[in-house]
Amino acid sequence: MSRFVNFTIALVLCLPGTGLSADDTAIMFTRPDILKVRADLMHWIARSDVDVQVREDVIVDWADDGQLARLSDEDLLDLLIESFAAVDVSTRRLVESSSGIGPLEHIIYDGIRDLDIYRNQIELFRARWMTQHRLFDEALEIYDQLSPENVVDPAGLFFYRAVCQSELFRREAALDSLSLLLNHTLQVPSRFRTVAVILQKELDGRKDDDLGHVARLMADVKRQLDLGRSGNRVQERQGEVIDAIDHLLEEAENNKKNDQQQGEGQNGQDTPNQPSSGRAAPRSRIHGSVGKGEADRREVRETGSWGMLDRRREAKARELIRQQFPANYLDIISKYSQRVAEQD
C-alpha cells in the first residue's frame, strides 16, 4: 500500500510566522506532492469496478496541474472526497448524510476502502464534520489515530484537534496542537492562523479555579444535553460544576473571615485620647449564614432554582458573582440550570 510522506526535515531560516530562528532544525508538515496524490487516487480507481465514463470524469477533474496546485489543503481534501464518492456508493451516502445534521453514514473499510489513501482522508473528513457539529469526544478519538504525514490537510488536522482538546479541557494537549499548527506547518489558512492565535492566548490565561472555568464546565454540560446525552460522563461533569462552585464559595467565605479579623485587629488599636466605640464599621458581605468552610461532594439535585444548590448556597453564589463578575454570568448560569431542569 502506498503511504503519504508529506513532512520534510529541513533547516528553517527565519521562516515568517513559524517562530523558529535560523538555528532551529524542525519538522515542517505540509501536504504531499499533488502528482503523488493524483497517482495514488488513479491507482485506487483502477482497483475499483466503476463504470468507464465515471472513471474518465474523475480523471478530467484531476487533469489540470495548475488548477490543482492552486487548491488549498482543505479544498484538496474535499476534491478527494468527491472523487471517492463518484466511484464508491458507500462514500456517496456518507457525503450525502454530511449535508444535514447527521448522523453520518457508517463506512466499512474493506476492499478498495481499506487503502491508506482512502481510509485516512475519509477519517479526517468524518472528524472534521463531527467537530463542526460539536461531537468533540468522538472527533478527538479519530484525530488521535491520525498522523499528519498521512493526510492531505495537516493544518486542518492540527486546528480541529486543538478545538476539540480545548473544548474537552485538555489544555496542554491543545497548546501542543496549536504549536504544531503555528510553528511547524506550512500553508496554514489565514483564518486558521488567526483563530489559533486567539485560542492560544485564551488557553495561556485560562484558570481552573475561577468562574470562567465554571462557565466552561456548564457550557460542556449544556452541549451534551443538547446532543441528548445524560449518562455517567454528563453527571460527572455536573458534579465538577458543583465542586467548582463550592470551592469558590469556600474561598469567598475564607476571604471574608480574613477581612473581618483584620478589621477587628485594626479597630482594637485605639489611638490616644480617642476611646473605642466598641463597634466595627459596617462592611459589605455575602448575604446568608456563614458555613464551616468545608466543601463536600454533593449529588445533583433540584432543590434550588439553579438545579443543584440549595437556596441558601445559591444566594451566596449569586452575591459572589454580582461582586466579582459581569452581570451576564448570572444569565448564563440561569439558562444552564433551566436546560438541566428541562432535560430532567
C-alpha atoms as a PDB file:
ATOM      1  CA  MET A   1       0.000   0.000   0.000  1.00  0.00           C
ATOM      2  CA  SER A   2       1.203   3.471  -0.787  1.00  0.00           C
ATOM      3  CA  ARG A   3       1.786   5.864   2.084  1.00  0.00           C
ATOM      4  CA  PHE A   4       1.791   9.638   2.083  1.00  0.00           C
ATOM      5  CA  VAL A   5       5.005  11.208   3.242  1.00  0.00           C
ATOM      6  CA  ASN A   6       4.309  14.908   3.499  1.00  0.00           C
ATOM      7  CA  PHE A   7       6.782  16.186   6.026  1.00  0.00           C
ATOM      8  CA  THR A   8      10.308  17.376   5.494  1.00  0.00           C
ATOM      9  CA  ILE A   9      13.161  17.708   7.936  1.00  0.00           C
ATOM     10  CA  ALA A  10      14.738  20.992   6.997  1.00  0.00           C
ATOM     11  CA  LEU A  11      16.842  23.811   8.311  1.00  0.00           C
ATOM     12  CA  VAL A  12      14.369  26.658   8.676  1.00  0.00           C
ATOM     13  CA  LEU A  13      15.995  30.054   8.158  1.00  0.00           C
ATOM     14  CA  CYS A  14      13.851  32.675   9.872  1.00  0.00           C
ATOM     15  CA  LEU A  15      10.681  31.384   8.236  1.00  0.00           C
ATOM     16  CA  PRO A  16       7.982  34.070   8.745  1.00  0.00           C
ATOM     17  CA  GLY A  17       5.176  33.113  11.063  1.00  0.00           C
ATOM     18  CA  THR A  18       6.742  29.956  12.469  1.00  0.00           C
ATOM     19  CA  GLY A  19       8.512  31.403  15.483  1.00  0.00           C
ATOM     20  CA  LEU A  20      11.656  29.457  14.570  1.00  0.00           C
ATOM     21  CA  SER A  21      15.112  31.014  14.431  1.00  0.00           C
ATOM     22  CA  ALA A  22      17.853  30.457  11.891  1.00  0.00           C
ATOM     23  CA  ASP A  23      19.473  27.930  14.221  1.00  0.00           C
ATOM     24  CA  ASP A  24      16.374  25.759  14.568  1.00  0.00           C
ATOM     25  CA  THR A  25      16.139  22.424  12.824  1.00  0.00           C
ATOM     26  CA  ALA A  26      12.455  21.496  12.793  1.00  0.00           C
ATOM     27  CA  ILE A  27       9.986  19.135  11.235  1.00  0.00           C
ATOM     28  CA  MET A  28       7.701  21.122   8.950  1.00  0.00           C
ATOM     29  CA  PHE A  29       4.437  19.486   7.931  1.00  0.00           C
ATOM     30  CA  THR A  30       2.932  20.132   4.534  1.00  0.00           C
ATOM     31  CA  ARG A  31       0.623  18.321   2.160  1.00  0.00           C
ATOM     32  CA  PRO A  32       2.026  15.639  -0.150  1.00  0.00           C
ATOM     33  CA  ASP A  33       3.005  16.412  -3.715  1.00  0.00           C
ATOM     34  CA  ILE A  34      -0.067  16.848  -5.922  1.00  0.00           C
ATOM     35  CA  LEU A  35       1.269  14.431  -8.517  1.00  0.00           C
ATOM     36  CA  LYS A  36       1.701  11.777  -5.818  1.00  0.00           C
ATOM     37  CA  VAL A  37      -1.862  12.319  -4.597  1.00  0.00           C
ATOM     38  CA  ARG A  38      -3.226  12.025  -8.126  1.00  0.00           C
ATOM     39  CA  ALA A  39      -1.195   8.888  -8.823  1.00  0.00           C
ATOM     40  CA  ASP A  40      -2.454   7.220  -5.647  1.00  0.00           C
ATOM     41  CA  LEU A  41      -6.035   8.196  -6.498  1.00  0.00           C
ATOM     42  CA  MET A  42      -5.736   6.759 -10.019  1.00  0.00           C
ATOM     43  CA  HIS A  43      -4.326   3.559  -8.542  1.00  0.00           C
ATOM     44  CA  TRP A  44      -7.307   3.414  -6.170  1.00  0.00           C
ATOM     45  CA  ILE A  45      -9.785   3.944  -9.020  1.00  0.00           C
ATOM     46  CA  ALA A  46      -8.069   1.303 -11.166  1.00  0.00           C
ATOM     47  CA  ARG A  47      -8.773  -1.287  -8.479  1.00  0.00           C
ATOM     48  CA  SER A  48     -12.490  -0.493  -8.494  1.00  0.00           C
ATOM     49  CA  ASP A  49     -15.160  -1.807 -10.857  1.00  0.00           C
ATOM     50  CA  VAL A  50     -16.585   1.622 -11.576  1.00  0.00           C
ATOM     51  CA  ASP A  51     -18.089   2.498 -14.950  1.00  0.00           C
ATOM     52  CA  VAL A  52     -15.593   3.720 -17.531  1.00  0.00           C
ATOM     53  CA  GLN A  53     -17.421   7.024 -18.014  1.00  0.00           C
ATOM     54  CA  VAL A  54     -17.303   7.777 -14.274  1.00  0.00           C
ATOM     55  CA  ARG A  55     -13.595   6.999 -14.232  1.00  0.00           C
ATOM     56  CA  GLU A  56     -12.972   9.370 -17.137  1.00  0.00           C
ATOM     57  CA  ASP A  57     -14.966  12.131 -15.442  1.00  0.00           C
ATOM     58  CA  VAL A  58     -12.806  11.837 -12.324  1.00  0.00           C
ATOM     59  CA  ILE A  59      -9.636  11.874 -14.424  1.00  0.00           C
ATOM     60  CA  VAL A  60     -10.800  15.134 -16.043  1.00  0.00           C
ATOM     61  CA  ASP A  61     -11.268  16.709 -12.592  1.00  0.00           C
ATOM     62  CA  TRP A  62      -7.608  15.963 -11.849  1.00  0.00           C
ATOM     63  CA  ALA A  63      -6.138  16.797 -15.262  1.00  0.00           C
ATOM     64  CA  ASP A  64      -5.190  20.473 -14.773  1.00  0.00           C
ATOM     65  CA  ASP A  65      -1.904  20.605 -12.830  1.00  0.00           C
ATOM     66  CA  GLY A  66      -2.073  24.369 -12.416  1.00  0.00           C
ATOM     67  CA  GLN A  67      -5.580  24.319 -11.014  1.00  0.00           C
ATOM     68  CA  LEU A  68      -4.673  21.525  -8.599  1.00  0.00           C
ATOM     69  CA  ALA A  69      -1.638  23.436  -7.368  1.00  0.00           C
ATOM     70  CA  ARG A  70      -3.825  26.428  -6.511  1.00  0.00           C
ATOM     71  CA  LEU A  71      -6.135  24.394  -4.293  1.00  0.00           C
ATOM     72  CA  SER A  72      -5.865  24.872  -0.561  1.00  0.00           C
ATOM     73  CA  ASP A  73      -5.231  21.755   1.504  1.00  0.00           C
ATOM     74  CA  GLU A  74      -8.839  21.807   2.680  1.00  0.00           C
ATOM     75  CA  ASP A  75     -10.116  22.081  -0.905  1.00  0.00           C
ATOM     76  CA  LEU A  76      -7.793  19.262  -1.928  1.00  0.00           C
ATOM     77  CA  LEU A  77      -9.323  17.052   0.762  1.00  0.00           C
ATOM     78  CA  ASP A  78     -12.830  17.931  -0.440  1.00  0.00           C
ATOM     79  CA  LEU A  79     -11.897  17.135  -4.037  1.00  0.00           C
ATOM     80  CA  LEU A  80     -10.571  13.747  -2.955  1.00  0.00           C
ATOM     81  CA  ILE A  81     -13.767  13.002  -1.045  1.00  0.00           C
ATOM     82  CA  GLU A  82     -15.864  13.995  -4.080  1.00  0.00           C
ATOM     83  CA  SER A  83     -13.795  11.671  -6.276  1.00  0.00           C
ATOM     84  CA  PHE A  84     -14.218   8.818  -3.806  1.00  0.00           C
ATOM     85  CA  ALA A  85     -17.970   9.464  -3.739  1.00  0.00           C
ATOM     86  CA  ALA A  86     -18.214   9.398  -7.530  1.00  0.00           C
ATOM     87  CA  VAL A  87     -16.665   5.925  -7.577  1.00  0.00           C
ATOM     88  CA  ASP A  88     -17.965   4.344  -4.354  1.00  0.00           C
ATOM     89  CA  VAL A  89     -21.627   4.120  -3.316  1.00  0.00           C
ATOM     90  CA  SER A  90     -20.902   3.957   0.426  1.00  0.00           C
ATOM     91  CA  THR A  91     -18.848   7.139   0.236  1.00  0.00           C
ATOM     92  CA  ARG A  92     -21.615   8.835  -1.709  1.00  0.00           C
ATOM     93  CA  ARG A  93     -24.044   8.037   1.103  1.00  0.00           C
ATOM     94  CA  LEU A  94     -21.555   9.375   3.630  1.00  0.00           C
ATOM     95  CA  VAL A  95     -21.237  12.674   1.766  1.00  0.00           C
ATOM     96  CA  GLU A  96     -24.992  12.986   1.383  1.00  0.00           C
ATOM     97  CA  SER A  97     -25.518  12.416   5.116  1.00  0.00           C
ATOM     98  CA  SER A  98     -22.886  15.063   5.921  1.00  0.00           C
ATOM     99  CA  SER A  99     -25.028  17.760   4.309  1.00  0.00           C
ATOM    100  CA  GLY A 100     -27.527  17.522   7.175  1.00  0.00           C
ATOM    101  CA  ILE A 101     -27.351  17.298  10.942  1.00  0.00           C
ATOM    102  CA  GLY A 102     -26.379  13.639  10.840  1.00  0.00           C
ATOM    103  CA  PRO A 103     -25.785  11.008  11.891  1.00  0.00           C
ATOM    104  CA  LEU A 104     -23.109  10.218   9.339  1.00  0.00           C
ATOM    105  CA  GLU A 105     -23.451   7.121   7.221  1.00  0.00           C
ATOM    106  CA  HIS A 106     -21.282   4.293   8.500  1.00  0.00           C
ATOM    107  CA  ILE A 107     -18.251   3.248   6.447  1.00  0.00           C
ATOM    108  CA  ILE A 108     -16.849  -0.287   6.371  1.00  0.00           C
ATOM    109  CA  TYR A 109     -13.165  -0.305   5.452  1.00  0.00           C
ATOM    110  CA  ASP A 110     -12.889  -3.287   3.152  1.00  0.00           C
ATOM    111  CA  GLY A 111     -11.724  -3.791  -0.427  1.00  0.00           C
ATOM    112  CA  ILE A 112     -10.557  -0.524  -2.005  1.00  0.00           C
ATOM    113  CA  ARG A 113     -11.871   1.333   1.050  1.00  0.00           C
ATOM    114  CA  ASP A 114      -9.089  -0.257   3.082  1.00  0.00           C
ATOM    115  CA  LEU A 115      -6.313   1.507   1.155  1.00  0.00           C
ATOM    116  CA  ASP A 116      -4.453   4.226   3.078  1.00  0.00           C
ATOM    117  CA  ILE A 117      -5.255   6.995   0.625  1.00  0.00           C
ATOM    118  CA  TYR A 118      -8.958   6.355   1.175  1.00  0.00           C
ATOM    119  CA  ARG A 119      -9.143   5.460   4.862  1.00  0.00           C
ATOM    120  CA  ASN A 120      -7.054   8.385   6.184  1.00  0.00           C
ATOM    121  CA  GLN A 121      -8.828  11.079   4.173  1.00  0.00           C
ATOM    122  CA  ILE A 122     -12.289   9.712   4.964  1.00  0.00           C
ATOM    123  CA  GLU A 123     -11.457   9.605   8.677  1.00  0.00           C
ATOM    124  CA  LEU A 124     -10.241  13.211   8.586  1.00  0.00           C
ATOM    125  CA  PHE A 125     -13.411  14.222   6.729  1.00  0.00           C
ATOM    126  CA  ARG A 126     -15.581  12.472   9.333  1.00  0.00           C
ATOM    127  CA  ALA A 127     -13.682  14.008  12.264  1.00  0.00           C
ATOM    128  CA  ARG A 128     -13.936  17.487  10.747  1.00  0.00           C
ATOM    129  CA  TRP A 129     -17.709  17.100  10.370  1.00  0.00           C
ATOM    130  CA  MET A 130     -18.012  15.886  13.966  1.00  0.00           C
ATOM    131  CA  THR A 131     -16.012  18.867  15.229  1.00  0.00           C
ATOM    132  CA  GLN A 132     -18.233  21.280  13.345  1.00  0.00           C
ATOM    133  CA  HIS A 133     -21.287  19.606  14.907  1.00  0.00           C
ATOM    134  CA  ARG A 134     -19.844  19.711  18.466  1.00  0.00           C
ATOM    135  CA  LEU A 135     -19.235  15.960  18.700  1.00  0.00           C
ATOM    136  CA  PHE A 136     -15.855  16.696  20.235  1.00  0.00           C
ATOM    137  CA  ASP A 137     -15.439  13.405  22.095  1.00  0.00           C
ATOM    138  CA  GLU A 138     -15.953  11.231  19.019  1.00  0.00           C
ATOM    139  CA  ALA A 139     -13.905  13.520  16.793  1.00  0.00           C
ATOM    140  CA  LEU A 140     -10.925  13.547  19.142  1.00  0.00           C
ATOM    141  CA  GLU A 141     -10.843   9.748  19.170  1.00  0.00           C
ATOM    142  CA  ILE A 142     -10.356   9.871  15.401  1.00  0.00           C
ATOM    143  CA  TYR A 143      -7.769  12.673  15.475  1.00  0.00           C
ATOM    144  CA  ASP A 144      -5.712  10.704  17.979  1.00  0.00           C
ATOM    145  CA  GLN A 145      -5.484   7.865  15.459  1.00  0.00           C
ATOM    146  CA  LEU A 146      -4.433  10.059  12.507  1.00  0.00           C
ATOM    147  CA  SER A 147      -0.923  11.189  11.631  1.00  0.00           C
ATOM    148  CA  PRO A 148      -0.269  14.486   9.835  1.00  0.00           C
ATOM    149  CA  GLU A 149       2.053  12.770   7.366  1.00  0.00           C
ATOM    150  CA  ASN A 150      -0.812  10.547   6.175  1.00  0.00           C
ATOM    151  CA  VAL A 151      -3.411  13.204   5.330  1.00  0.00           C
ATOM    152  CA  VAL A 152      -3.599  15.881   2.641  1.00  0.00           C
ATOM    153  CA  ASP A 153      -4.675  18.582   5.110  1.00  0.00           C
ATOM    154  CA  PRO A 154      -2.300  18.530   8.117  1.00  0.00           C
ATOM    155  CA  ALA A 155      -3.252  22.106   9.052  1.00  0.00           C
ATOM    156  CA  GLY A 156      -6.899  21.069   9.320  1.00  0.00           C
ATOM    157  CA  LEU A 157      -5.932  18.076  11.443  1.00  0.00           C
ATOM    158  CA  PHE A 158      -3.998  20.221  13.945  1.00  0.00           C
ATOM    159  CA  PHE A 159      -6.567  23.036  14.024  1.00  0.00           C
ATOM    160  CA  TYR A 160      -9.679  20.950  14.581  1.00  0.00           C
ATOM    161  CA  ARG A 161      -7.859  18.676  17.004  1.00  0.00           C
ATOM    162  CA  ALA A 162      -6.878  21.713  19.090  1.00  0.00           C
ATOM    163  CA  VAL A 163     -10.508  22.880  19.101  1.00  0.00           C
ATOM    164  CA  CYS A 164     -11.681  19.502  20.436  1.00  0.00           C
ATOM    165  CA  GLN A 165      -8.934  19.364  23.046  1.00  0.00           C
ATOM    166  CA  SER A 166      -9.744  22.873  24.218  1.00  0.00           C
ATOM    167  CA  GLU A 167     -13.470  22.148  24.489  1.00  0.00           C
ATOM    168  CA  LEU A 168     -12.767  18.953  26.445  1.00  0.00           C
ATOM    169  CA  PHE A 169     -10.484  20.744  28.952  1.00  0.00           C
ATOM    170  CA  ARG A 170      -7.238  19.222  27.668  1.00  0.00           C
ATOM    171  CA  ARG A 171      -5.359  22.487  27.873  1.00  0.00           C
ATOM    172  CA  GLU A 172      -1.773  21.266  27.482  1.00  0.00           C
ATOM    173  CA  ALA A 173      -2.642  18.966  24.599  1.00  0.00           C
ATOM    174  CA  ALA A 174      -4.486  21.818  22.854  1.00  0.00           C
ATOM    175  CA  LEU A 175      -1.465  24.107  23.255  1.00  0.00           C
ATOM    176  CA  ASP A 176       0.755  21.397  21.751  1.00  0.00           C
ATOM    177  CA  SER A 177      -1.552  21.066  18.735  1.00  0.00           C
ATOM    178  CA  LEU A 178      -1.624  24.842  18.264  1.00  0.00           C
ATOM    179  CA  SER A 179       2.175  24.982  18.433  1.00  0.00           C
ATOM    180  CA  LEU A 180       2.413  22.316  15.731  1.00  0.00           C
ATOM    181  CA  LEU A 181      -0.056  24.273  13.617  1.00  0.00           C
ATOM    182  CA  LEU A 182       1.503  27.718  14.051  1.00  0.00           C
ATOM    183  CA  ASN A 183       5.185  26.786  14.198  1.00  0.00           C
ATOM    184  CA  HIS A 184       5.599  23.538  12.290  1.00  0.00           C
ATOM    185  CA  THR A 185       3.026  23.547   9.481  1.00  0.00           C
ATOM    186  CA  LEU A 186       3.272  25.175   6.073  1.00  0.00           C
ATOM    187  CA  GLN A 187       0.353  26.608   4.089  1.00  0.00           C
ATOM    188  CA  VAL A 188      -1.832  27.348   7.126  1.00  0.00           C
ATOM    189  CA  PRO A 189      -5.004  29.205   6.026  1.00  0.00           C
ATOM    190  CA  SER A 190      -5.183  32.722   7.422  1.00  0.00           C
ATOM    191  CA  ARG A 191      -8.481  32.025   9.191  1.00  0.00           C
ATOM    192  CA  PHE A 192      -6.942  29.031  10.961  1.00  0.00           C
ATOM    193  CA  ARG A 193      -3.919  31.065  11.993  1.00  0.00           C
ATOM    194  CA  THR A 194      -5.997  33.975  13.283  1.00  0.00           C
ATOM    195  CA  VAL A 195      -8.308  31.799  15.365  1.00  0.00           C
ATOM    196  CA  ALA A 196      -5.395  29.658  16.570  1.00  0.00           C
ATOM    197  CA  VAL A 197      -3.510  32.694  17.894  1.00  0.00           C
ATOM    198  CA  ILE A 198      -6.635  33.876  19.747  1.00  0.00           C
ATOM    199  CA  LEU A 199      -7.248  30.408  21.180  1.00  0.00           C
ATOM    200  CA  GLN A 200      -3.616  30.062  22.213  1.00  0.00           C
ATOM    201  CA  LYS A 201      -3.774  33.338  24.128  1.00  0.00           C
ATOM    202  CA  GLU A 202      -7.026  32.312  25.799  1.00  0.00           C
ATOM    203  CA  LEU A 203      -5.593  28.949  26.849  1.00  0.00           C
ATOM    204  CA  ASP A 204      -2.456  30.588  28.241  1.00  0.00           C
ATOM    205  CA  GLY A 205      -4.595  32.714  30.541  1.00  0.00           C
ATOM    206  CA  ARG A 206      -7.121  30.030  31.414  1.00  0.00           C
ATOM    207  CA  LYS A 207      -7.503  29.145  35.111  1.00  0.00           C
ATOM    208  CA  ASP A 208      -9.133  26.137  36.707  1.00  0.00           C
ATOM    209  CA  ASP A 209     -10.349  27.892  39.846  1.00  0.00           C
ATOM    210  CA  ASP A 210     -12.442  30.837  38.687  1.00  0.00           C
ATOM    211  CA  LEU A 211     -15.966  31.490  37.461  1.00  0.00           C
ATOM    212  CA  GLY A 212     -14.760  31.331  33.889  1.00  0.00           C
ATOM    213  CA  HIS A 213     -13.932  27.673  34.498  1.00  0.00           C
ATOM    214  CA  VAL A 214     -17.398  27.120  35.981  1.00  0.00           C
ATOM    215  CA  ALA A 215     -18.963  28.701  32.908  1.00  0.00           C
ATOM    216  CA  ARG A 216     -16.940  26.408  30.610  1.00  0.00           C
ATOM    217  CA  LEU A 217     -17.960  23.343  32.611  1.00  0.00           C
ATOM    218  CA  MET A 218     -21.611  24.341  32.390  1.00  0.00           C
ATOM    219  CA  ALA A 219     -21.320  25.019  28.676  1.00  0.00           C
ATOM    220  CA  ASP A 220     -19.980  21.493  28.176  1.00  0.00           C
ATOM    221  CA  VAL A 221     -22.880  20.010  30.150  1.00  0.00           C
ATOM    222  CA  LYS A 222     -25.345  22.048  28.091  1.00  0.00           C
ATOM    223  CA  ARG A 223     -23.682  20.858  24.871  1.00  0.00           C
ATOM    224  CA  GLN A 224     -24.008  17.222  25.870  1.00  0.00           C
ATOM    225  CA  LEU A 225     -27.602  17.671  26.996  1.00  0.00           C
ATOM    226  CA  ASP A 226     -28.365  19.346  23.651  1.00  0.00           C
ATOM    227  CA  LEU A 227     -26.952  16.229  21.993  1.00  0.00           C
ATOM    228  CA  GLY A 228     -29.334  14.076  24.019  1.00  0.00           C
ATOM    229  CA  ARG A 229     -26.728  12.697  26.409  1.00  0.00           C
ATOM    230  CA  SER A 230     -27.382  12.193  30.114  1.00  0.00           C
ATOM    231  CA  GLY A 231     -25.125   9.301  31.114  1.00  0.00           C
ATOM    232  CA  ASN A 232     -22.296   8.972  33.586  1.00  0.00           C
ATOM    233  CA  ARG A 233     -19.986  11.348  31.749  1.00  0.00           C
ATOM    234  CA  VAL A 234     -22.553  14.142  31.854  1.00  0.00           C
ATOM    235  CA  GLN A 235     -23.306  13.503  35.518  1.00  0.00           C
ATOM    236  CA  GLU A 236     -19.601  13.568  36.344  1.00  0.00           C
ATOM    237  CA  ARG A 237     -19.324  16.940  34.615  1.00  0.00           C
ATOM    238  CA  GLN A 238     -22.291  18.221  36.607  1.00  0.00           C
ATOM    239  CA  GLY A 239     -20.504  17.085  39.748  1.00  0.00           C
ATOM    240  CA  GLU A 240     -17.475  19.098  38.671  1.00  0.00           C
ATOM    241  CA  VAL A 241     -19.699  22.172  38.369  1.00  0.00           C
ATOM    242  CA  ILE A 242     -20.938  21.692  41.924  1.00  0.00           C
ATOM    243  CA  ASP A 243     -17.421  21.176  43.255  1.00  0.00           C
ATOM    244  CA  ALA A 244     -16.143  24.260  41.454  1.00  0.00           C
ATOM    245  CA  ILE A 245     -18.929  26.459  42.829  1.00  0.00           C
ATOM    246  CA  ASP A 246     -18.371  25.030  46.315  1.00  0.00           C
ATOM    247  CA  HIS A 247     -14.689  25.907  46.027  1.00  0.00           C
ATOM    248  CA  LEU A 248     -15.485  29.490  45.046  1.00  0.00           C
ATOM    249  CA  LEU A 249     -17.947  29.847  47.914  1.00  0.00           C
ATOM    250  CA  GLU A 250     -15.465  28.439  50.395  1.00  0.00           C
ATOM    251  CA  GLU A 251     -12.769  30.774  49.117  1.00  0.00           C
ATOM    252  CA  ALA A 252     -15.100  33.765  49.352  1.00  0.00           C
ATOM    253  CA  GLU A 253     -16.082  32.885  52.915  1.00  0.00           C
ATOM    254  CA  ASN A 254     -12.450  32.488  53.961  1.00  0.00           C
ATOM    255  CA  ASN A 255     -11.574  35.846  52.416  1.00  0.00           C
ATOM    256  CA  LYS A 256     -14.491  37.410  54.248  1.00  0.00           C
ATOM    257  CA  LYS A 257     -13.334  35.979  57.576  1.00  0.00           C
ATOM    258  CA  ASN A 258      -9.793  37.223  56.997  1.00  0.00           C
ATOM    259  CA  ASP A 259     -11.070  40.698  56.171  1.00  0.00           C
ATOM    260  CA  GLN A 260     -13.201  40.735  59.334  1.00  0.00           C
ATOM    261  CA  GLN A 261     -10.294  39.605  61.508  1.00  0.00           C
ATOM    262  CA  GLN A 262      -8.014  42.261  60.058  1.00  0.00           C
ATOM    263  CA  GLY A 263     -10.710  44.884  60.577  1.00  0.00           C
ATOM    264  CA  GLU A 264     -11.252  43.856  64.185  1.00  0.00           C
ATOM    265  CA  GLY A 265      -7.497  43.976  64.852  1.00  0.00           C
ATOM    266  CA  GLN A 266      -7.244  47.473  63.465  1.00  0.00           C
ATOM    267  CA  ASN A 267     -10.316  48.676  65.387  1.00  0.00           C
ATOM    268  CA  GLY A 268      -8.867  47.283  68.626  1.00  0.00           C
ATOM    269  CA  GLN A 269      -5.867  49.580  68.458  1.00  0.00           C
ATOM    270  CA  ASP A 270      -7.379  52.807  69.795  1.00  0.00           C
ATOM    271  CA  THR A 271      -5.490  55.983  69.229  1.00  0.00           C
ATOM    272  CA  PRO A 272      -4.557  58.111  72.334  1.00  0.00           C
ATOM    273  CA  ASN A 273      -7.359  60.208  73.848  1.00  0.00           C
ATOM    274  CA  GLN A 274      -9.852  58.520  71.496  1.00  0.00           C
ATOM    275  CA  PRO A 275     -11.843  55.777  73.257  1.00  0.00           C
ATOM    276  CA  SER A 276     -13.075  52.885  71.203  1.00  0.00           C
ATOM    277  CA  SER A 277     -16.679  52.975  70.171  1.00  0.00           C
ATOM    278  CA  GLY A 278     -16.849  49.209  70.622  1.00  0.00           C
ATOM    279  CA  ARG A 279     -18.413  48.788  67.190  1.00  0.00           C
ATOM    280  CA  ALA A 280     -16.728  47.839  63.955  1.00  0.00           C
ATOM    281  CA  ALA A 281     -17.583  49.786  60.841  1.00  0.00           C
ATOM    282  CA  PRO A 282     -20.180  48.044  58.699  1.00  0.00           C
ATOM    283  CA  ARG A 283     -18.678  46.001  55.826  1.00  0.00           C
ATOM    284  CA  SER A 284     -20.152  44.637  52.663  1.00  0.00           C
ATOM    285  CA  ARG A 285     -20.690  40.912  52.951  1.00  0.00           C
ATOM    286  CA  ILE A 286     -22.147  37.899  51.217  1.00  0.00           C
ATOM    287  CA  HIS A 287     -25.719  37.527  52.487  1.00  0.00           C
ATOM    288  CA  GLY A 288     -26.738  34.344  54.260  1.00  0.00           C
ATOM    289  CA  SER A 289     -25.362  32.383  57.175  1.00  0.00           C
ATOM    290  CA  VAL A 290     -21.685  31.508  57.219  1.00  0.00           C
ATOM    291  CA  GLY A 291     -20.868  27.808  56.819  1.00  0.00           C
ATOM    292  CA  LYS A 292     -17.910  25.853  58.161  1.00  0.00           C
ATOM    293  CA  GLY A 293     -15.866  26.423  55.030  1.00  0.00           C
ATOM    294  CA  GLU A 294     -15.836  22.709  54.179  1.00  0.00           C
ATOM    295  CA  ALA A 295     -16.695  21.599  50.639  1.00  0.00           C
ATOM    296  CA  ASP A 296     -18.187  18.110  50.432  1.00  0.00           C
ATOM    297  CA  ARG A 297     -19.140  16.381  47.176  1.00  0.00           C
ATOM    298  CA  ARG A 298     -22.880  16.619  46.614  1.00  0.00           C
ATOM    299  CA  GLU A 299     -25.328  14.815  44.417  1.00  0.00           C
ATOM    300  CA  VAL A 300     -27.035  16.788  41.667  1.00  0.00           C
ATOM    301  CA  ARG A 301     -30.486  17.756  42.884  1.00  0.00           C
ATOM    302  CA  GLU A 302     -33.334  20.107  42.029  1.00  0.00           C
ATOM    303  CA  THR A 303     -33.834  21.894  45.379  1.00  0.00           C
ATOM    304  CA  GLY A 304     -32.708  25.312  44.144  1.00  0.00           C
ATOM    305  CA  SER A 305     -33.635  27.344  41.089  1.00  0.00           C
ATOM    306  CA  TRP A 306     -30.132  26.682  39.761  1.00  0.00           C
ATOM    307  CA  GLY A 307     -30.918  22.994  39.807  1.00  0.00           C
ATOM    308  CA  MET A 308     -28.074  21.849  42.041  1.00  0.00           C
ATOM    309  CA  LEU A 309     -27.686  24.239  45.003  1.00  0.00           C
ATOM    310  CA  ASP A 310     -29.974  24.766  47.941  1.00  0.00           C
ATOM    311  CA  ARG A 311     -31.387  28.268  48.143  1.00  0.00           C
ATOM    312  CA  ARG A 312     -29.014  29.424  50.860  1.00  0.00           C
ATOM    313  CA  ARG A 313     -25.935  28.450  48.854  1.00  0.00           C
ATOM    314  CA  GLU A 314     -27.496  29.825  45.698  1.00  0.00           C
ATOM    315  CA  ALA A 315     -27.898  33.219  47.395  1.00  0.00           C
ATOM    316  CA  LYS A 316     -24.226  33.186  48.351  1.00  0.00           C
ATOM    317  CA  ALA A 317     -23.195  32.214  44.836  1.00  0.00           C
ATOM    318  CA  ARG A 318     -25.312  34.983  43.306  1.00  0.00           C
ATOM    319  CA  GLU A 319     -23.826  37.572  45.641  1.00  0.00           C
ATOM    320  CA  LEU A 320     -20.319  36.341  44.834  1.00  0.00           C
ATOM    321  CA  ILE A 321     -20.978  36.660  41.117  1.00  0.00           C
ATOM    322  CA  ARG A 322     -22.519  40.124  41.486  1.00  0.00           C
ATOM    323  CA  GLN A 323     -19.487  41.382  43.374  1.00  0.00           C
ATOM    324  CA  GLN A 324     -16.748  39.943  41.178  1.00  0.00           C
ATOM    325  CA  PHE A 325     -18.051  39.297  37.677  1.00  0.00           C
ATOM    326  CA  PRO A 326     -20.146  40.875  34.900  1.00  0.00           C
ATOM    327  CA  ALA A 327     -23.923  40.557  35.131  1.00  0.00           C
ATOM    328  CA  ASN A 328     -24.134  38.195  32.166  1.00  0.00           C
ATOM    329  CA  TYR A 329     -22.657  35.389  34.274  1.00  0.00           C
ATOM    330  CA  LEU A 330     -25.905  35.166  36.229  1.00  0.00           C
ATOM    331  CA  ASP A 331     -27.829  34.889  32.979  1.00  0.00           C
ATOM    332  CA  ILE A 332     -25.507  32.147  31.722  1.00  0.00           C
ATOM    333  CA  ILE A 333     -25.922  30.106  34.908  1.00  0.00           C
ATOM    334  CA  SER A 334     -29.700  30.567  34.946  1.00  0.00           C
ATOM    335  CA  LYS A 335     -30.029  29.399  31.328  1.00  0.00           C
ATOM    336  CA  TYR A 336     -27.785  26.446  32.055  1.00  0.00           C
ATOM    337  CA  SER A 337     -29.828  25.405  35.092  1.00  0.00           C
ATOM    338  CA  GLN A 338     -33.055  25.768  33.130  1.00  0.00           C
ATOM    339  CA  ARG A 339     -31.633  23.483  30.462  1.00  0.00           C
ATOM    340  CA  VAL A 340     -30.690  20.891  33.114  1.00  0.00           C
ATOM    341  CA  ALA A 341     -34.206  21.045  34.565  1.00  0.00           C
ATOM    342  CA  GLU A 342     -35.794  20.631  31.130  1.00  0.00           C
ATOM    343  CA  GLN A 343     -33.584  17.617  30.405  1.00  0.00           C
ATOM    344  CA  ASP A 344     -34.585  16.002  33.718  1.00  0.00           C
END
